[in-house]
């Protein structure tokens, strides 16, 4: 498949569905059997808190928290696997780990849970990738992302005490870094090659003025 072409792949739908089903099943198990998985979230600067680097995106505090993350996660994963198929796994897996680690470094002493860090990672990556690649199709996608989720940028700053702005900021930073680092991988701007047309060029002189060298033909009349 040419990197300049965007083609449908089953992962565009399968991966988002699996991700959403997984976080909902985990939440269902938690509320049905009375478990509390918050302790498996990222707890900054704690050795045991490192397990949250992997587990925290799958844990949510309540239904509203889960709903707020489900829709943008589904949309952004679909965009990632459609427009950036060749590097999608790398961006998602490495991005999830680095976002968790950065949250572990920057965060307040509390359990940081939820998939919002991954959502910010994907929004940031997709937005900045279009700009760095200077590819008009991906720039258009960047504008759509801004239209849909531009207001999210305010939540990378301390706004509410119970919101992990550190997780949001970490995802945003990692997405920006990945967009720049992987700008040469995946889809690239289409390049056009122009061929010379000598007959057309002969219609102009060395100064660029129109001066066709047309041979005159005299008809001999008897």
Protein backbone atom coordinates (compact mmCIF):
# COMPACT_ATOMS: atom_id res chain seq x y z
CA UNK A 1 0.00 0.00 0.00
CA UNK A 2 1.33 3.40 -0.91
CA UNK A 3 1.92 5.63 2.08
CA UNK A 4 0.15 8.45 0.30
CA UNK A 5 -3.08 6.48 0.05
CA UNK A 6 -5.57 5.99 2.85
CA UNK A 7 -7.37 2.67 2.70
CA UNK A 8 -9.81 0.98 5.00
CA UNK A 9 -8.38 -1.63 7.34
CA UNK A 10 -10.44 -3.75 9.79
CA UNK A 11 -8.29 -2.36 12.63
CA UNK A 12 -9.94 1.02 12.11
CA UNK A 13 -13.08 -0.43 13.72
CA UNK A 14 -11.83 -3.51 15.57
CA UNK A 15 -9.22 -1.78 17.77
CA UNK A 16 -11.57 1.00 18.98
CA UNK A 17 -14.35 -1.52 19.69
CA UNK A 18 -12.01 -3.78 21.67
CA UNK A 19 -10.67 -0.82 23.65
CA UNK A 20 -14.13 0.49 24.53
CA UNK A 21 -15.48 -2.96 25.38
CA UNK A 22 -12.48 -3.63 27.62
CA UNK A 23 -12.84 -0.47 29.73
CA UNK A 24 -16.60 -1.01 30.03
CA UNK A 25 -16.23 -4.68 31.03
CA UNK A 26 -13.66 -3.76 33.69
CA UNK A 27 -15.99 -1.07 35.05
CA UNK A 28 -18.92 -3.52 35.01
CA UNK A 29 -16.91 -6.08 36.98
CA UNK A 30 -15.88 -3.38 39.45
CA UNK A 31 -19.40 -2.14 40.23
CA UNK A 32 -21.07 -5.58 40.03
CA UNK A 33 -18.76 -7.36 42.44
CA UNK A 34 -17.91 -4.40 44.62
CA UNK A 35 -14.26 -4.10 43.67
CA UNK A 36 -12.27 -0.90 43.81
CA UNK A 37 -9.50 -0.85 41.22
CA UNK A 38 -8.38 2.71 41.93
CA UNK A 39 -5.35 1.40 43.80
CA UNK A 40 -4.05 0.13 40.45
CA UNK A 41 -3.84 3.63 39.08
CA UNK A 42 -0.67 5.67 38.72
CA UNK A 43 0.57 6.81 42.12
CA UNK A 44 3.44 9.26 41.50
CA UNK A 45 6.89 8.62 42.89
CA UNK A 46 5.84 5.29 44.40
CA UNK A 47 7.31 2.00 43.27
CA UNK A 48 3.93 0.25 43.45
CA UNK A 49 2.39 3.22 41.71
CA UNK A 50 4.29 2.28 38.55
CA UNK A 51 1.82 -0.53 37.86
CA UNK A 52 -0.66 2.17 37.01
CA UNK A 53 1.39 3.00 33.91
CA UNK A 54 -0.24 -0.05 32.32
CA UNK A 55 -3.47 -0.41 34.29
CA UNK A 56 -4.69 3.16 34.84
CA UNK A 57 -6.17 3.76 31.35
CA UNK A 58 -8.62 0.89 31.96
CA UNK A 59 -9.90 2.15 35.33
CA UNK A 60 -12.62 4.80 35.76
CA UNK A 61 -14.18 6.34 38.84
CA UNK A 62 -17.82 6.45 37.70
CA UNK A 63 -20.12 6.17 34.69
CA UNK A 64 -19.76 9.84 33.75
CA UNK A 65 -15.98 9.54 33.77
CA UNK A 66 -16.24 6.46 31.57
CA UNK A 67 -18.66 8.06 29.12
CA UNK A 68 -16.55 11.21 28.78
CA UNK A 69 -13.57 9.10 27.72
CA UNK A 70 -15.35 6.47 25.61
CA UNK A 71 -16.50 8.62 22.68
CA UNK A 72 -13.25 10.58 22.04
CA UNK A 73 -11.20 7.41 22.58
CA UNK A 74 -13.24 5.56 19.95
CA UNK A 75 -13.01 8.45 17.45
CA UNK A 76 -9.29 9.11 17.94
CA UNK A 77 -8.33 5.43 17.76
CA UNK A 78 -10.29 5.13 14.53
CA UNK A 79 -8.46 8.15 13.08
CA UNK A 80 -5.09 6.81 14.23
CA UNK A 81 -5.57 3.41 12.60
CA UNK A 82 -7.02 4.84 9.41
CA UNK A 83 -4.59 7.65 8.68
CA UNK A 84 -1.46 6.28 10.40
CA UNK A 85 -1.77 2.53 9.96
CA UNK A 86 1.95 1.77 9.74
CA UNK A 87 2.88 3.50 12.98
CA UNK A 88 -0.42 3.22 14.88
CA UNK A 89 0.65 0.36 17.17
CA UNK A 90 3.92 2.10 17.96
CA UNK A 91 2.23 5.39 18.78
CA UNK A 92 -0.47 3.77 20.93
CA UNK A 93 1.66 1.32 22.94
CA UNK A 94 4.75 3.48 23.42
CA UNK A 95 2.58 6.54 23.96
CA UNK A 96 0.51 4.84 26.66
CA UNK A 97 3.66 3.81 28.54
CA UNK A 98 5.41 7.17 28.26
CA UNK A 99 2.26 9.07 29.21
CA UNK A 100 1.94 6.94 32.33
CA UNK A 101 5.60 7.39 33.24
CA UNK A 102 5.44 11.15 32.79
CA UNK A 103 2.30 11.26 34.95
CA UNK A 104 4.19 9.25 37.57
CA UNK A 105 6.94 11.87 37.52
CA UNK A 106 4.78 15.01 37.43
CA UNK A 107 1.67 13.99 39.32
CA UNK A 108 0.40 14.86 42.77
CA UNK A 109 0.41 12.16 45.47
CA UNK A 110 -2.92 10.60 44.51
CA UNK A 111 -4.21 7.79 42.31
CA UNK A 112 -4.43 8.92 38.67
CA UNK A 113 -6.89 6.81 36.68
CA UNK A 114 -8.76 6.92 33.39
CA UNK A 115 -8.13 6.80 29.64
CA UNK A 116 -8.05 10.59 29.29
CA UNK A 117 -4.24 10.61 29.18
CA UNK A 118 -4.40 8.35 26.12
CA UNK A 119 -7.12 10.55 24.59
CA UNK A 120 -4.90 13.62 24.98
CA UNK A 121 -2.00 11.66 23.51
CA UNK A 122 -4.02 10.81 20.39
CA UNK A 123 -5.58 14.25 19.98
CA UNK A 124 -2.18 15.92 20.29
CA UNK A 125 -0.45 13.46 17.96
CA UNK A 126 -3.09 13.66 15.24
CA UNK A 127 -3.34 17.45 15.43
CA UNK A 128 0.41 18.16 15.29
CA UNK A 129 1.15 15.39 12.77
CA UNK A 130 -0.91 17.13 10.12
CA UNK A 131 0.98 20.36 10.72
CA UNK A 132 4.48 18.86 10.83
CA UNK A 133 3.92 16.76 7.70
CA UNK A 134 2.45 19.69 5.74
CA UNK A 135 0.05 17.26 4.10
CA UNK A 136 -3.19 18.96 3.17
CA UNK A 137 -5.37 15.92 3.92
CA UNK A 138 -3.90 15.53 7.38
CA UNK A 139 -4.04 19.26 8.02
CA UNK A 140 -7.76 19.05 7.26
CA UNK A 141 -7.97 16.26 9.85
CA UNK A 142 -6.13 18.49 12.32
CA UNK A 143 -8.74 21.19 11.83
CA UNK A 144 -11.52 18.68 12.45
CA UNK A 145 -9.78 17.60 15.67
CA UNK A 146 -9.57 21.22 16.80
CA UNK A 147 -13.25 21.71 16.03
CA UNK A 148 -14.28 18.62 17.98
CA UNK A 149 -11.85 18.66 20.90
CA UNK A 150 -10.14 22.05 20.91
CA UNK A 151 -11.68 22.96 24.25
CA UNK A 152 -9.82 20.05 25.86
CA UNK A 153 -6.64 22.13 25.89
CA UNK A 154 -7.85 23.96 29.01
CA UNK A 155 -7.72 20.75 31.01
CA UNK A 156 -3.94 20.42 30.71
CA UNK A 157 -3.84 23.16 33.35
CA UNK A 158 -4.91 22.91 37.01
CA UNK A 159 -8.65 23.58 36.96
CA UNK A 160 -10.37 21.15 39.30
CA UNK A 161 -8.74 19.28 42.14
CA UNK A 162 -10.21 15.89 41.22
CA UNK A 163 -9.14 16.11 37.57
CA UNK A 164 -5.74 14.67 36.70
CA UNK A 165 -4.46 17.58 34.66
CA UNK A 166 -1.00 16.01 35.02
CA UNK A 167 -2.20 12.98 33.04
CA UNK A 168 -3.74 15.25 30.41
CA UNK A 169 -0.58 17.33 30.15
CA UNK A 170 1.59 14.21 29.93
CA UNK A 171 -0.48 12.80 27.07
CA UNK A 172 -0.42 16.16 25.29
CA UNK A 173 3.38 16.43 25.57
CA UNK A 174 4.00 12.84 24.45
CA UNK A 175 1.65 13.29 21.47
CA UNK A 176 3.48 16.45 20.42
CA UNK A 177 6.89 14.77 20.70
CA UNK A 178 5.69 11.70 18.77
CA UNK A 179 4.18 13.87 16.02
CA UNK A 180 7.57 15.50 15.48
CA UNK A 181 9.64 12.34 15.94
CA UNK A 182 7.57 10.21 13.53
CA UNK A 183 6.88 12.96 10.98
CA UNK A 184 8.95 11.10 8.35
CA UNK A 185 7.13 7.82 8.97
CA UNK A 186 3.67 6.97 7.73
CA UNK A 187 1.77 9.05 5.15
CA UNK A 188 3.74 11.78 3.38
CA UNK A 189 2.67 14.66 1.12
CA UNK A 190 2.08 13.65 -2.46
CA UNK A 191 4.90 14.64 -4.79
CA UNK A 192 4.18 15.71 -8.33
CA UNK A 193 6.71 15.25 -11.14
CA UNK A 194 6.45 17.57 -14.11
CA UNK A 195 7.88 16.50 -17.47
CA UNK A 196 9.24 18.82 -20.08
CA UNK A 197 7.28 19.57 -23.21
CA UNK A 198 9.86 20.75 -25.73
CA UNK A 199 7.27 21.79 -28.31
CA UNK A 200 5.60 24.04 -25.74
CA UNK A 201 8.93 25.48 -24.56
CA UNK A 202 9.86 26.40 -28.14
CA UNK A 203 6.96 28.84 -28.21
CA UNK A 204 8.90 31.14 -25.86
CA UNK A 205 12.27 32.86 -26.29
CA UNK A 206 15.07 32.96 -23.73
CA UNK A 207 13.43 35.93 -21.98
CA UNK A 208 10.16 34.08 -21.56
CA UNK A 209 8.36 36.10 -24.20
CA UNK A 210 5.88 34.41 -26.48
CA UNK A 211 7.67 34.06 -29.81
CA UNK A 212 6.70 30.93 -31.75
CA UNK A 213 9.13 29.91 -34.43
CA UNK A 214 6.58 28.94 -37.05
CA UNK A 215 7.82 28.19 -40.52
CA UNK A 216 5.87 29.95 -43.23
CA UNK A 217 4.78 27.87 -46.18
CA UNK A 218 4.30 29.41 -49.60
CA UNK A 219 1.86 27.71 -51.84
CA UNK A 220 2.91 27.80 -55.43
CA UNK A 221 -0.03 28.78 -57.52
CA UNK A 222 -0.01 27.91 -61.08
